[in-house]
C-alpha atoms as a PDB file:
ATOM      1  CA  MET A   1     123.303  75.694  76.658  1.00  0.00           C
ATOM      2  CA  LYS A   2     124.128  77.676  79.808  1.00  0.00           C
ATOM      3  CA  ILE A   3     121.547  78.177  82.547  1.00  0.00           C
ATOM      4  CA  ILE A   4     121.525  81.387  84.566  1.00  0.00           C
ATOM      5  CA  THR A   5     119.803  81.331  87.954  1.00  0.00           C
ATOM      6  CA  LEU A   6     118.380  84.294  89.808  1.00  0.00           C
ATOM      7  CA  ARG A   7     117.404  84.585  93.463  1.00  0.00           C
ATOM      8  CA  ILE A   8     115.003  87.328  94.577  1.00  0.00           C
ATOM      9  CA  ASP A   9     113.372  88.070  97.916  1.00  0.00           C
ATOM     10  CA  GLU A  10     109.609  88.286  98.518  1.00  0.00           C
ATOM     11  CA  ASP A  11     109.445  92.075  98.165  1.00  0.00           C
ATOM     12  CA  GLU A  12     111.250  91.937  94.830  1.00  0.00           C
ATOM     13  CA  LYS A  13     109.008  89.107  93.689  1.00  0.00           C
ATOM     14  CA  ALA A  14     105.881  91.089  94.616  1.00  0.00           C
ATOM     15  CA  ARG A  15     107.174  94.115  92.733  1.00  0.00           C
ATOM     16  CA  LEU A  16     107.929  92.015  89.652  1.00  0.00           C
ATOM     17  CA  GLU A  17     104.445  90.533  89.812  1.00  0.00           C
ATOM     18  CA  GLN A  18     102.954  94.038  89.890  1.00  0.00           C
ATOM     19  CA  LEU A  19     105.014  95.082  86.876  1.00  0.00           C
ATOM     20  CA  ALA A  20     104.078  91.915  85.020  1.00  0.00           C
ATOM     21  CA  GLU A  21     100.386  92.438  85.744  1.00  0.00           C
ATOM     22  CA  ALA A  22     100.566  96.082  84.640  1.00  0.00           C
ATOM     23  CA  GLY A  23     102.186  94.995  81.397  1.00  0.00           C
ATOM     24  CA  ASP A  24      99.765  92.103  80.921  1.00  0.00           C
ATOM     25  CA  ILE A  25     102.620  89.567  80.799  1.00  0.00           C
ATOM     26  CA  THR A  26     103.635  86.590  82.904  1.00  0.00           C
ATOM     27  CA  LEU A  27     106.329  86.826  85.537  1.00  0.00           C
ATOM     28  CA  SER A  28     108.510  84.345  83.676  1.00  0.00           C
ATOM     29  CA  ARG A  29     108.283  86.474  80.547  1.00  0.00           C
ATOM     30  CA  ALA A  30     109.124  89.607  82.540  1.00  0.00           C
ATOM     31  CA  LEU A  31     112.253  87.912  83.852  1.00  0.00           C
ATOM     32  CA  ARG A  32     113.244  86.642  80.410  1.00  0.00           C
ATOM     33  CA  GLU A  33     112.754  90.048  78.801  1.00  0.00           C
ATOM     34  CA  GLY A  34     114.596  91.747  81.645  1.00  0.00           C
ATOM     35  CA  ALA A  35     117.547  89.421  81.153  1.00  0.00           C
ATOM     36  CA  ALA A  36     117.465  90.038  77.396  1.00  0.00           C
ATOM     37  CA  LEU A  37     117.481  93.808  77.922  1.00  0.00           C
ATOM     38  CA  TYR A  38     120.396  93.482  80.331  1.00  0.00           C
ATOM     39  CA  LEU A  39     122.387  91.447  77.818  1.00  0.00           C
ATOM     40  CA  ARG A  40     121.666  93.959  75.023  1.00  0.00           C
ATOM     41  CA  GLU A  41     122.871  96.756  77.284  1.00  0.00           C
ATOM     42  CA  ILE A  42     126.062  94.826  77.989  1.00  0.00           C
ATOM     43  CA  GLN A  43     126.534  94.322  74.239  1.00  0.00           C
ATOM     44  CA  GLY A  44     126.313  98.075  73.768  1.00  0.00           C
ATOM     45  CA  LYS A  45     128.917  98.708  76.478  1.00  0.00           C
ATOM     46  CA  VAL A  46     131.276  96.128  75.003  1.00  0.00           C
ATOM     47  CA  HIS A  47     130.777  97.660  71.547  1.00  0.00           C
ATOM     48  CA  GLN A  48     131.637 101.086  72.965  1.00  0.00           C
ATOM     49  CA  ALA A  49     134.660  99.754  74.860  1.00  0.00           C
ATOM     50  CA  ARG A  50     135.988  98.359  71.574  1.00  0.00           C
ATOM     51  CA  GLY A  51     135.815 101.791  69.993  1.00  0.00           C
ATOM     52  CA  GLY A  52     132.342 101.551  68.477  1.00  0.00           C
ATOM     53  CA  ASP A  53     129.634 104.152  68.813  1.00  0.00           C
ATOM     54  CA  ALA A  54     126.839 103.550  71.313  1.00  0.00           C
ATOM     55  CA  THR A  55     124.086 105.747  72.740  1.00  0.00           C
ATOM     56  CA  PHE A  56     123.397 106.462  76.399  1.00  0.00           C
ATOM     57  CA  HIS A  57     120.945 103.551  76.473  1.00  0.00           C
ATOM     58  CA  GLY A  58     123.388 101.167  74.808  1.00  0.00           C
ATOM     59  CA  LEU A  59     122.197 101.121  71.191  1.00  0.00           C
ATOM     60  CA  ARG A  60     125.091 100.007  68.998  1.00  0.00           C
ATOM     61  CA  ARG A  61     125.819 102.153  65.958  1.00  0.00           C
ATOM     62  CA  ALA A  62     128.040 101.892  62.912  1.00  0.00           C
ATOM     63  CA  LYS A  63     130.478 104.715  62.143  1.00  0.00           C
ATOM     64  CA  GLY A  64     127.969 106.340  59.815  1.00  0.00           C
ATOM     65  CA  GLY A  65     125.334 106.432  62.550  1.00  0.00           C
ATOM     66  CA  ARG A  66     123.248 103.465  61.413  1.00  0.00           C
ATOM     67  CA  VAL A  67     121.761 101.590  64.380  1.00  0.00           C
ATOM     68  CA  LEU A  68     123.073  98.027  64.616  1.00  0.00           C
ATOM     69  CA  SER A  69     120.813  96.930  67.472  1.00  0.00           C
ATOM     70  CA  LYS A  70     117.898  94.765  66.350  1.00  0.00           C
ATOM     71  CA  ARG A  71     114.492  96.441  66.092  1.00  0.00           C
ATOM     72  CA  SER A  72     111.435  95.012  67.860  1.00  0.00           C
ATOM     73  CA  GLN A  73     107.721  95.719  67.923  1.00  0.00           C
ATOM     74  CA  PRO A  74     106.098  97.450  70.909  1.00  0.00           C
ATOM     75  CA  THR A  75     103.091  96.099  72.767  1.00  0.00           C
ATOM     76  CA  ALA A  76      99.779  97.867  72.223  1.00  0.00           C
ATOM     77  CA  GLY A  77     100.265  99.822  75.456  1.00  0.00           C
ATOM     78  CA  GLU A  78     103.792 100.827  74.528  1.00  0.00           C
ATOM     79  CA  ALA A  79     102.620 101.966  71.096  1.00  0.00           C
ATOM     80  CA  ARG A  80      99.975 104.180  72.751  1.00  0.00           C
ATOM     81  CA  ARG A  81     102.558 105.717  75.069  1.00  0.00           C
ATOM     82  CA  ALA A  82     104.958 106.326  72.181  1.00  0.00           C
ATOM     83  CA  ALA A  83     102.155 108.018  70.219  1.00  0.00           C
ATOM     84  CA  SER A  84     101.348 110.187  73.226  1.00  0.00           C
ATOM     85  CA  LEU A  85     105.005 111.192  73.487  1.00  0.00           C
ATOM     86  CA  ARG A  86     105.039 112.145  69.806  1.00  0.00           C
ATOM     87  CA  ARG A  87     101.858 114.223  70.066  1.00  0.00           C
ATOM     88  CA  ALA A  88     103.014 116.138  73.121  1.00  0.00           C
ATOM     89  CA  LEU A  89     106.698 116.803  72.491  1.00  0.00           C
ATOM     90  CA  TYR A  90     106.688 116.934  68.692  1.00  0.00           C
ATOM     91  CA  ASP A  91     103.244 117.874  67.352  1.00  0.00           C
ATOM     92  CA  ARG A  92     102.493 120.422  70.070  1.00  0.00           C
ATOM     93  CA  ALA A  93     105.819 121.499  71.561  1.00  0.00           C
ATOM     94  CA  PHE A  94     108.454 121.330  68.826  1.00  0.00           C
ATOM     95  CA  LEU A  95     106.210 122.269  65.914  1.00  0.00           C
ATOM     96  CA  GLY A  96     104.936 125.209  67.964  1.00  0.00           C
ATOM     97  CA  VAL A  97     108.498 126.509  68.300  1.00  0.00           C
ATOM     98  CA  ARG A  98     109.190 125.958  64.599  1.00  0.00           C
ATOM     99  CA  GLU A  99     105.986 127.748  63.615  1.00  0.00           C
ATOM    100  CA  ALA A 100     107.001 130.725  65.757  1.00  0.00           C
ATOM    101  CA  TRP A 101     110.335 130.870  63.911  1.00  0.00           C
ATOM    102  CA  GLU A 102     108.662 130.652  60.516  1.00  0.00           C
ATOM    103  CA  ALA A 103     106.255 133.428  61.555  1.00  0.00           C
ATOM    104  CA  GLY A 104     109.203 135.771  62.195  1.00  0.00           C
ATOM    105  CA  GLU A 105     109.847 135.408  65.928  1.00  0.00           C
ATOM    106  CA  LYS A 106     113.245 136.719  67.092  1.00  0.00           C
ATOM    107  CA  PRO A 107     116.080 134.157  66.981  1.00  0.00           C
ATOM    108  CA  ALA A 108     116.902 134.654  70.662  1.00  0.00           C
ATOM    109  CA  VAL A 109     113.319 133.943  71.692  1.00  0.00           C
ATOM    110  CA  VAL A 110     113.196 130.807  69.544  1.00  0.00           C
ATOM    111  CA  LEU A 111     116.469 129.537  71.059  1.00  0.00           C
ATOM    112  CA  ALA A 112     115.144 130.165  74.555  1.00  0.00           C
ATOM    113  CA  ALA A 113     112.008 128.192  73.694  1.00  0.00           C
ATOM    114  CA  LEU A 114     114.196 125.358  72.411  1.00  0.00           C
ATOM    115  CA  GLY A 115     115.918 125.360  75.790  1.00  0.00           C
ATOM    116  CA  GLY A 116     112.575 124.688  77.464  1.00  0.00           C
ATOM    117  CA  TRP A 117     111.847 121.958  74.939  1.00  0.00           C
ATOM    118  CA  LEU A 118     115.252 120.339  75.436  1.00  0.00           C
ATOM    119  CA  SER A 119     114.588 120.244  79.174  1.00  0.00           C
ATOM    120  CA  LEU A 120     111.477 118.142  78.550  1.00  0.00           C
ATOM    121  CA  VAL A 121     113.349 115.906  76.104  1.00  0.00           C
ATOM    122  CA  GLY A 122     116.243 115.461  78.531  1.00  0.00           C
ATOM    123  CA  GLU A 123     113.877 114.532  81.338  1.00  0.00           C
ATOM    124  CA  VAL A 124     112.295 111.854  79.157  1.00  0.00           C
ATOM    125  CA  TYR A 125     115.554 110.594  77.644  1.00  0.00           C
ATOM    126  CA  VAL A 126     117.769 110.369  80.745  1.00  0.00           C
ATOM    127  CA  ALA A 127     115.528 111.629  83.586  1.00  0.00           C
ATOM    128  CA  HIS A 128     117.544 114.873  83.701  1.00  0.00           C
ATOM    129  CA  PRO A 129     115.942 118.173  82.594  1.00  0.00           C
ATOM    130  CA  GLY A 130     119.192 120.148  82.942  1.00  0.00           C
ATOM    131  CA  GLU A 131     122.017 120.508  80.477  1.00  0.00           C
ATOM    132  CA  THR A 132     123.243 116.979  81.128  1.00  0.00           C
ATOM    133  CA  GLY A 133     120.015 115.781  79.534  1.00  0.00           C
ATOM    134  CA  TRP A 134     120.323 118.299  76.694  1.00  0.00           C
ATOM    135  CA  ASP A 135     123.902 117.199  76.015  1.00  0.00           C
ATOM    136  CA  LEU A 136     123.191 113.476  75.927  1.00  0.00           C
ATOM    137  CA  PHE A 137     120.250 113.890  73.571  1.00  0.00           C
ATOM    138  CA  LEU A 138     122.160 116.246  71.259  1.00  0.00           C
ATOM    139  CA  ARG A 139     125.218 114.013  71.087  1.00  0.00           C
ATOM    140  CA  ASP A 140     123.239 110.787  70.623  1.00  0.00           C
ATOM    141  CA  TYR A 141     120.762 111.988  67.998  1.00  0.00           C
ATOM    142  CA  CYS A 142     121.431 115.382  66.431  1.00  0.00           C
ATOM    143  CA  ASP A 143     123.709 115.815  63.416  1.00  0.00           C
ATOM    144  CA  GLY A 144     126.288 118.530  63.980  1.00  0.00           C
ATOM    145  CA  TYR A 145     126.260 118.146  67.753  1.00  0.00           C
ATOM    146  CA  THR A 146     127.790 114.706  68.326  1.00  0.00           C
ATOM    147  CA  ASP A 147     131.065 116.373  69.253  1.00  0.00           C
ATOM    148  CA  PRO A 148     131.113 117.574  72.902  1.00  0.00           C
ATOM    149  CA  ALA A 149     132.454 120.980  71.881  1.00  0.00           C
ATOM    150  CA  ALA A 150     129.616 121.544  69.401  1.00  0.00           C
ATOM    151  CA  SER A 151     127.035 120.532  71.990  1.00  0.00           C
ATOM    152  CA  GLU A 152     128.586 122.900  74.548  1.00  0.00           C
ATOM    153  CA  GLU A 153     128.616 125.758  72.043  1.00  0.00           C
ATOM    154  CA  LEU A 154     124.905 125.370  71.309  1.00  0.00           C
ATOM    155  CA  ARG A 155     124.017 125.069  74.980  1.00  0.00           C
ATOM    156  CA  THR A 156     126.001 128.243  75.719  1.00  0.00           C
ATOM    157  CA  GLU A 157     124.116 130.082  72.978  1.00  0.00           C
ATOM    158  CA  ILE A 158     120.761 128.919  74.331  1.00  0.00           C
ATOM    159  CA  ARG A 159     121.644 129.939  77.888  1.00  0.00           C
ATOM    160  CA  GLY A 160     122.597 133.468  76.926  1.00  0.00           C
ATOM    161  CA  ALA A 161     120.283 134.131  73.984  1.00  0.00           C
ATOM    162  CA  LEU A 162     117.701 136.279  75.778  1.00  0.00           C
ATOM    163  CA  VAL A 163     120.398 138.402  77.440  1.00  0.00           C
ATOM    164  CA  ARG A 164     122.871 139.029  74.632  1.00  0.00           C
ATOM    165  CA  GLY A 165     121.081 137.885  71.485  1.00  0.00           C
ATOM    166  CA  THR A 166     122.516 135.363  69.055  1.00  0.00           C
ATOM    167  CA  ASN A 167     124.003 134.957  65.590  1.00  0.00           C
ATOM    168  CA  VAL A 168     123.286 131.225  65.473  1.00  0.00           C
ATOM    169  CA  ASN A 169     121.659 129.782  62.355  1.00  0.00           C
ATOM    170  CA  VAL A 170     118.377 129.015  64.115  1.00  0.00           C
ATOM    171  CA  GLY A 171     116.900 127.366  61.020  1.00  0.00           C
ATOM    172  CA  GLY A 172     119.804 124.934  60.934  1.00  0.00           C
ATOM    173  CA  VAL A 173     119.455 124.197  64.645  1.00  0.00           C
ATOM    174  CA  LEU A 174     115.740 123.509  64.238  1.00  0.00           C
ATOM    175  CA  ALA A 175     116.387 121.165  61.304  1.00  0.00           C
ATOM    176  CA  SER A 176     119.010 119.174  63.223  1.00  0.00           C
ATOM    177  CA  LEU A 177     116.920 118.908  66.390  1.00  0.00           C
ATOM    178  CA  GLU A 178     113.808 117.930  64.453  1.00  0.00           C
ATOM    179  CA  ALA A 179     115.613 115.145  62.560  1.00  0.00           C
ATOM    180  CA  GLY A 180     117.248 113.968  65.772  1.00  0.00           C
ATOM    181  CA  PHE A 181     113.992 113.892  67.674  1.00  0.00           C
ATOM    182  CA  MET A 182     112.325 111.890  64.919  1.00  0.00           C
ATOM    183  CA  ARG A 183     115.129 109.313  65.206  1.00  0.00           C
ATOM    184  CA  PHE A 184     114.646 109.274  68.962  1.00  0.00           C
ATOM    185  CA  LEU A 185     110.894 108.733  68.587  1.00  0.00           C
ATOM    186  CA  ASP A 186     111.569 105.804  66.269  1.00  0.00           C
ATOM    187  CA  ASP A 187     113.941 104.270  68.811  1.00  0.00           C
ATOM    188  CA  ALA A 188     111.455 104.919  71.625  1.00  0.00           C
ATOM    189  CA  GLU A 189     108.967 102.758  69.750  1.00  0.00           C
ATOM    190  CA  HIS A 190     111.121 100.132  68.048  1.00  0.00           C
ATOM    191  CA  GLN A 191     114.232  99.652  70.206  1.00  0.00           C
ATOM    192  CA  ALA A 192     113.574  97.716  73.408  1.00  0.00           C
ATOM    193  CA  LEU A 193     116.445  99.301  75.361  1.00  0.00           C
ATOM    194  CA  VAL A 194     115.141 102.799  74.696  1.00  0.00           C
ATOM    195  CA  ARG A 195     111.452 101.874  74.874  1.00  0.00           C
ATOM    196  CA  ARG A 196     111.691 100.317  78.335  1.00  0.00           C
ATOM    197  CA  ALA A 197     113.756 103.236  79.641  1.00  0.00           C
ATOM    198  CA  VAL A 198     111.905 106.265  78.321  1.00  0.00           C
ATOM    199  CA  LEU A 199     108.226 105.365  78.031  1.00  0.00           C
ATOM    200  CA  PRO A 200     107.662 104.837  81.779  1.00  0.00           C
ATOM    201  CA  THR A 201     109.485 108.138  82.401  1.00  0.00           C
ATOM    202  CA  TRP A 202     107.211 109.837  79.885  1.00  0.00           C
ATOM    203  CA  VAL A 203     104.088 108.482  81.599  1.00  0.00           C
ATOM    204  CA  VAL A 204     105.215 109.984  84.928  1.00  0.00           C
ATOM    205  CA  LEU A 205     106.136 113.333  83.332  1.00  0.00           C
ATOM    206  CA  GLU A 206     102.882 113.501  81.368  1.00  0.00           C
ATOM    207  CA  ARG A 207     100.845 112.925  84.521  1.00  0.00           C
ATOM    208  CA  ARG A 208     102.803 115.599  86.373  1.00  0.00           C
ATOM    209  CA  LEU A 209     102.400 118.151  83.588  1.00  0.00           C
ATOM    210  CA  SER A 210      98.677 117.390  83.294  1.00  0.00           C
ATOM    211  CA  ALA A 211      97.960 117.731  87.028  1.00  0.00           C
END
């Protein structure tokens, strides 16, 4: 067995203690889980370097898209935050856009609304509400948009939809984004690498939007 040592200063120790208290866990457990998350992230980078597929947060995937990273159960607090994320960005936001489309709203208007939704998703997923966030979410989770060119084509259509209209199959776009977001929600709850990255970001965004 190999032993890894870690030296931290008093400020770092105090910050870790605050995080541990907020999560209702001991400092030693916080350090152990932090090390485990770091090692899983490294595994994802190694997997990607060897030609395998990996998401922005380091989840390892098989060629068919199946996640290889081991699932884990969230704490009660994490489960509440994941449920809040689902209610806000899926039940209210995404389903509202889909309902508008099904009620006969113009394709260009629906695409523009999806742009606003993707900005929220990107801010949660990678802390970037711009097209960098859109692109990473689309390529990591949405069938038909894993290729950079396909992602760029959709983002171009969304940008210009209100000005020049669109011939995009909006129903197909909605179906792909909905399935992708459901996969993301599952990872946000059951994959530690994603859970620890996105749920704190969601808490901050939710508070800001509710202010």
